Amino acid sequence: MIKKEILIGLIVGLIANTIGTLLYILIFSDFGIVETYQAAVQQEHIGSLLALGAILNLVAFFGFLKIRRDYRARGVMIATLLTAMLILYYKVF
């Protein structure tokens, strides 16, 4: 039961990060999603783009804490840490 709750939180965290990244692109970019992604890869700013998308994980994390779903909040935290490791990979390599 606990693993299922953490998995749900992990999935919610990954989806929130994806939606956050797409929302950032749609709101603040003059180009489309594909063009912005290609430009971020070309200019080596993909890590920054992912970091800005991870802001939406805060909403999911504190939302789960507010409704007392601590293990789901833990899953969101794991998703955020995975994103941080991916960002670190892009910054180092």
N, C-alpha and C. Protein backbone atom coordinates (compact mmCIF):
# COMPACT_ATOMS: atom_id res chain seq x y z
N MET A 1 0.82 -1.20 0.00
CA MET A 1 0.00 0.00 0.00
C MET A 1 0.86 1.27 0.00
N ILE A 2 1.94 1.26 0.79
CA ILE A 2 2.81 2.43 0.85
C ILE A 2 3.53 2.64 -0.48
N LYS A 3 4.01 1.55 -1.09
CA LYS A 3 4.69 1.66 -2.38
C LYS A 3 3.76 2.21 -3.45
N LYS A 4 2.49 1.83 -3.39
CA LYS A 4 1.52 2.32 -4.36
C LYS A 4 1.33 3.82 -4.20
N GLU A 5 1.26 4.30 -2.96
CA GLU A 5 1.09 5.74 -2.71
C GLU A 5 2.31 6.53 -3.19
N ILE A 6 3.50 5.99 -2.93
CA ILE A 6 4.71 6.66 -3.39
C ILE A 6 4.77 6.67 -4.91
N LEU A 7 4.36 5.58 -5.55
CA LEU A 7 4.34 5.52 -7.02
C LEU A 7 3.36 6.53 -7.59
N ILE A 8 2.20 6.67 -6.97
CA ILE A 8 1.23 7.68 -7.42
C ILE A 8 1.84 9.07 -7.33
N GLY A 9 2.51 9.36 -6.21
CA GLY A 9 3.17 10.66 -6.05
C GLY A 9 4.26 10.89 -7.07
N LEU A 10 5.02 9.83 -7.37
CA LEU A 10 6.07 9.92 -8.37
C LEU A 10 5.49 10.26 -9.74
N ILE A 11 4.43 9.58 -10.11
CA ILE A 11 3.78 9.83 -11.40
C ILE A 11 3.21 11.24 -11.44
N VAL A 12 2.56 11.66 -10.37
CA VAL A 12 2.02 13.03 -10.31
C VAL A 12 3.15 14.05 -10.43
N GLY A 13 4.28 13.79 -9.76
CA GLY A 13 5.42 14.70 -9.84
C GLY A 13 5.99 14.81 -11.24
N LEU A 14 6.10 13.68 -11.93
CA LEU A 14 6.61 13.71 -13.31
C LEU A 14 5.64 14.42 -14.25
N ILE A 15 4.36 14.18 -14.05
CA ILE A 15 3.35 14.85 -14.88
C ILE A 15 3.35 16.35 -14.59
N ALA A 16 3.44 16.72 -13.30
CA ALA A 16 3.46 18.14 -12.94
C ALA A 16 4.68 18.83 -13.53
N ASN A 17 5.81 18.15 -13.53
CA ASN A 17 7.02 18.73 -14.11
C ASN A 17 6.85 18.93 -15.62
N THR A 18 6.28 17.94 -16.28
CA THR A 18 6.05 18.05 -17.72
C THR A 18 5.08 19.19 -18.04
N ILE A 19 3.98 19.25 -17.30
CA ILE A 19 3.00 20.32 -17.52
C ILE A 19 3.61 21.68 -17.21
N GLY A 20 4.41 21.75 -16.14
CA GLY A 20 5.07 23.01 -15.79
C GLY A 20 6.01 23.49 -16.88
N THR A 21 6.76 22.56 -17.45
CA THR A 21 7.68 22.92 -18.53
C THR A 21 6.91 23.39 -19.76
N LEU A 22 5.85 22.67 -20.10
CA LEU A 22 5.04 23.07 -21.26
C LEU A 22 4.36 24.41 -21.03
N LEU A 23 3.85 24.64 -19.82
CA LEU A 23 3.22 25.94 -19.51
C LEU A 23 4.24 27.07 -19.60
N TYR A 24 5.43 26.83 -19.09
CA TYR A 24 6.47 27.86 -19.18
C TYR A 24 6.77 28.19 -20.64
N ILE A 25 6.89 27.17 -21.46
CA ILE A 25 7.17 27.40 -22.88
C ILE A 25 6.01 28.17 -23.53
N LEU A 26 4.79 27.75 -23.27
CA LEU A 26 3.63 28.39 -23.90
C LEU A 26 3.44 29.83 -23.46
N ILE A 27 3.73 30.12 -22.19
CA ILE A 27 3.49 31.47 -21.67
C ILE A 27 4.63 32.42 -22.02
N PHE A 28 5.88 31.98 -21.88
CA PHE A 28 7.00 32.89 -21.97
C PHE A 28 7.80 32.81 -23.26
N SER A 29 7.51 31.87 -24.12
CA SER A 29 8.28 31.74 -25.36
C SER A 29 7.48 32.29 -26.53
N ASP A 30 8.18 32.91 -27.44
CA ASP A 30 7.54 33.42 -28.66
C ASP A 30 7.42 32.33 -29.71
N PHE A 31 8.09 31.21 -29.50
CA PHE A 31 8.08 30.11 -30.46
C PHE A 31 7.18 28.99 -29.96
N GLY A 32 7.04 27.96 -30.77
CA GLY A 32 6.26 26.80 -30.39
C GLY A 32 7.05 25.89 -29.45
N ILE A 33 6.42 24.81 -29.05
CA ILE A 33 7.03 23.89 -28.11
C ILE A 33 8.27 23.24 -28.71
N VAL A 34 8.15 22.74 -29.92
CA VAL A 34 9.27 22.04 -30.55
C VAL A 34 10.43 23.00 -30.82
N GLU A 35 10.12 24.19 -31.32
CA GLU A 35 11.17 25.15 -31.62
C GLU A 35 11.89 25.59 -30.35
N THR A 36 11.14 25.82 -29.28
CA THR A 36 11.75 26.22 -28.01
C THR A 36 12.63 25.11 -27.46
N TYR A 37 12.16 23.87 -27.54
CA TYR A 37 12.96 22.74 -27.06
C TYR A 37 14.24 22.61 -27.87
N GLN A 38 14.14 22.74 -29.18
CA GLN A 38 15.33 22.65 -30.03
C GLN A 38 16.31 23.77 -29.72
N ALA A 39 15.80 24.97 -29.50
CA ALA A 39 16.68 26.09 -29.16
C ALA A 39 17.34 25.87 -27.79
N ALA A 40 16.60 25.32 -26.84
CA ALA A 40 17.17 25.05 -25.51
C ALA A 40 18.26 23.99 -25.58
N VAL A 41 18.07 22.98 -26.40
CA VAL A 41 19.10 21.95 -26.57
C VAL A 41 20.32 22.55 -27.27
N GLN A 42 20.08 23.34 -28.29
CA GLN A 42 21.17 23.93 -29.05
C GLN A 42 21.99 24.90 -28.20
N GLN A 43 21.34 25.67 -27.34
CA GLN A 43 22.03 26.65 -26.50
C GLN A 43 22.41 26.09 -25.14
N GLU A 44 22.18 24.80 -24.94
CA GLU A 44 22.50 24.09 -23.70
C GLU A 44 21.78 24.69 -22.49
N HIS A 45 20.49 25.01 -22.67
CA HIS A 45 19.66 25.53 -21.59
C HIS A 45 18.54 24.56 -21.21
N ILE A 46 18.66 23.31 -21.58
CA ILE A 46 17.60 22.34 -21.30
C ILE A 46 17.46 22.12 -19.79
N GLY A 47 18.56 22.18 -19.06
CA GLY A 47 18.50 22.03 -17.60
C GLY A 47 17.71 23.15 -16.96
N SER A 48 17.90 24.36 -17.44
CA SER A 48 17.16 25.50 -16.91
C SER A 48 15.67 25.38 -17.22
N LEU A 49 15.38 24.88 -18.39
CA LEU A 49 13.98 24.69 -18.78
C LEU A 49 13.31 23.66 -17.88
N LEU A 50 14.01 22.58 -17.58
CA LEU A 50 13.47 21.56 -16.68
C LEU A 50 13.31 22.09 -15.27
N ALA A 51 14.26 22.90 -14.82
CA ALA A 51 14.19 23.46 -13.47
C ALA A 51 12.98 24.38 -13.32
N LEU A 52 12.71 25.17 -14.33
CA LEU A 52 11.55 26.05 -14.27
C LEU A 52 10.24 25.25 -14.31
N GLY A 53 10.25 24.15 -15.02
CA GLY A 53 9.07 23.29 -15.04
C GLY A 53 8.82 22.60 -13.72
N ALA A 54 9.89 22.36 -12.95
CA ALA A 54 9.76 21.67 -11.67
C ALA A 54 9.11 22.53 -10.60
N ILE A 55 8.94 23.81 -10.86
CA ILE A 55 8.27 24.68 -9.88
C ILE A 55 6.85 24.19 -9.61
N LEU A 56 6.21 23.63 -10.60
CA LEU A 56 4.84 23.14 -10.42
C LEU A 56 4.80 21.96 -9.44
N ASN A 57 5.93 21.29 -9.23
CA ASN A 57 5.99 20.22 -8.24
C ASN A 57 5.73 20.74 -6.83
N LEU A 58 6.05 22.00 -6.59
CA LEU A 58 5.75 22.59 -5.28
C LEU A 58 4.27 22.54 -4.97
N VAL A 59 3.46 22.83 -5.96
CA VAL A 59 2.01 22.81 -5.78
C VAL A 59 1.53 21.41 -5.44
N ALA A 60 2.04 20.43 -6.18
CA ALA A 60 1.65 19.04 -5.91
C ALA A 60 2.14 18.59 -4.54
N PHE A 61 3.38 18.93 -4.20
CA PHE A 61 3.96 18.51 -2.93
C PHE A 61 3.17 19.06 -1.74
N PHE A 62 2.97 20.37 -1.73
CA PHE A 62 2.26 20.98 -0.61
C PHE A 62 0.77 20.64 -0.62
N GLY A 63 0.24 20.39 -1.81
CA GLY A 63 -1.16 19.93 -1.88
C GLY A 63 -1.34 18.58 -1.22
N PHE A 64 -0.43 17.66 -1.48
CA PHE A 64 -0.50 16.35 -0.84
C PHE A 64 -0.27 16.45 0.66
N LEU A 65 0.63 17.33 1.09
CA LEU A 65 0.83 17.51 2.53
C LEU A 65 -0.42 18.08 3.20
N LYS A 66 -1.08 18.99 2.51
CA LYS A 66 -2.27 19.62 3.08
C LYS A 66 -3.41 18.62 3.28
N ILE A 67 -3.55 17.66 2.36
CA ILE A 67 -4.62 16.67 2.50
C ILE A 67 -4.13 15.40 3.19
N ARG A 68 -2.95 15.50 3.81
CA ARG A 68 -2.39 14.42 4.62
C ARG A 68 -2.10 13.15 3.82
N ARG A 69 -1.56 13.31 2.65
CA ARG A 69 -1.09 12.19 1.82
C ARG A 69 0.43 12.25 1.80
N ASP A 70 1.03 11.92 2.93
CA ASP A 70 2.48 12.09 3.11
C ASP A 70 3.29 11.21 2.16
N TYR A 71 2.84 9.99 1.91
CA TYR A 71 3.61 9.12 1.03
C TYR A 71 3.52 9.58 -0.43
N ARG A 72 2.41 10.16 -0.82
CA ARG A 72 2.32 10.74 -2.17
C ARG A 72 3.24 11.95 -2.28
N ALA A 73 3.30 12.75 -1.22
CA ALA A 73 4.22 13.89 -1.21
C ALA A 73 5.66 13.40 -1.31
N ARG A 74 5.95 12.27 -0.69
CA ARG A 74 7.28 11.67 -0.78
C ARG A 74 7.58 11.28 -2.23
N GLY A 75 6.59 10.76 -2.93
CA GLY A 75 6.77 10.41 -4.34
C GLY A 75 7.05 11.64 -5.20
N VAL A 76 6.37 12.74 -4.91
CA VAL A 76 6.64 13.99 -5.64
C VAL A 76 8.06 14.46 -5.36
N MET A 77 8.50 14.30 -4.11
CA MET A 77 9.87 14.68 -3.76
C MET A 77 10.88 13.82 -4.53
N ILE A 78 10.60 12.54 -4.67
CA ILE A 78 11.48 11.66 -5.44
C ILE A 78 11.53 12.11 -6.90
N ALA A 79 10.38 12.47 -7.47
CA ALA A 79 10.34 12.96 -8.85
C ALA A 79 11.17 14.24 -8.99
N THR A 80 11.09 15.11 -8.00
CA THR A 80 11.86 16.35 -8.02
C THR A 80 13.35 16.06 -7.93
N LEU A 81 13.73 15.09 -7.10
CA LEU A 81 15.13 14.72 -6.99
C LEU A 81 15.65 14.08 -8.29
N LEU A 82 14.81 13.27 -8.95
CA LEU A 82 15.20 12.71 -10.24
C LEU A 82 15.41 13.81 -11.28
N THR A 83 14.53 14.80 -11.24
CA THR A 83 14.69 15.95 -12.15
C THR A 83 15.98 16.69 -11.85
N ALA A 84 16.28 16.86 -10.57
CA ALA A 84 17.51 17.56 -10.18
C ALA A 84 18.74 16.79 -10.66
N MET A 85 18.71 15.47 -10.57
CA MET A 85 19.84 14.67 -11.07
C MET A 85 19.97 14.77 -12.58
N LEU A 86 18.83 14.83 -13.28
CA LEU A 86 18.86 15.00 -14.73
C LEU A 86 19.43 16.37 -15.10
N ILE A 87 19.05 17.39 -14.36
CA ILE A 87 19.58 18.73 -14.60
C ILE A 87 21.09 18.75 -14.35
N LEU A 88 21.52 18.10 -13.28
CA LEU A 88 22.95 18.02 -12.98
C LEU A 88 23.70 17.32 -14.11
N TYR A 89 23.11 16.27 -14.65
CA TYR A 89 23.72 15.56 -15.77
C TYR A 89 23.89 16.49 -16.96
N TYR A 90 22.83 17.27 -17.28
CA TYR A 90 22.93 18.19 -18.41
C TYR A 90 23.95 19.29 -18.17
N LYS A 91 24.10 19.72 -16.92
CA LYS A 91 25.04 20.81 -16.62
C LYS A 91 26.49 20.30 -16.65
N VAL A 92 26.71 19.06 -16.24
CA VAL A 92 28.08 18.55 -16.15
C VAL A 92 28.55 17.97 -17.49
N PHE A 93 27.68 17.22 -18.16
CA PHE A 93 28.09 16.54 -19.39
C PHE A 93 27.51 17.22 -20.55
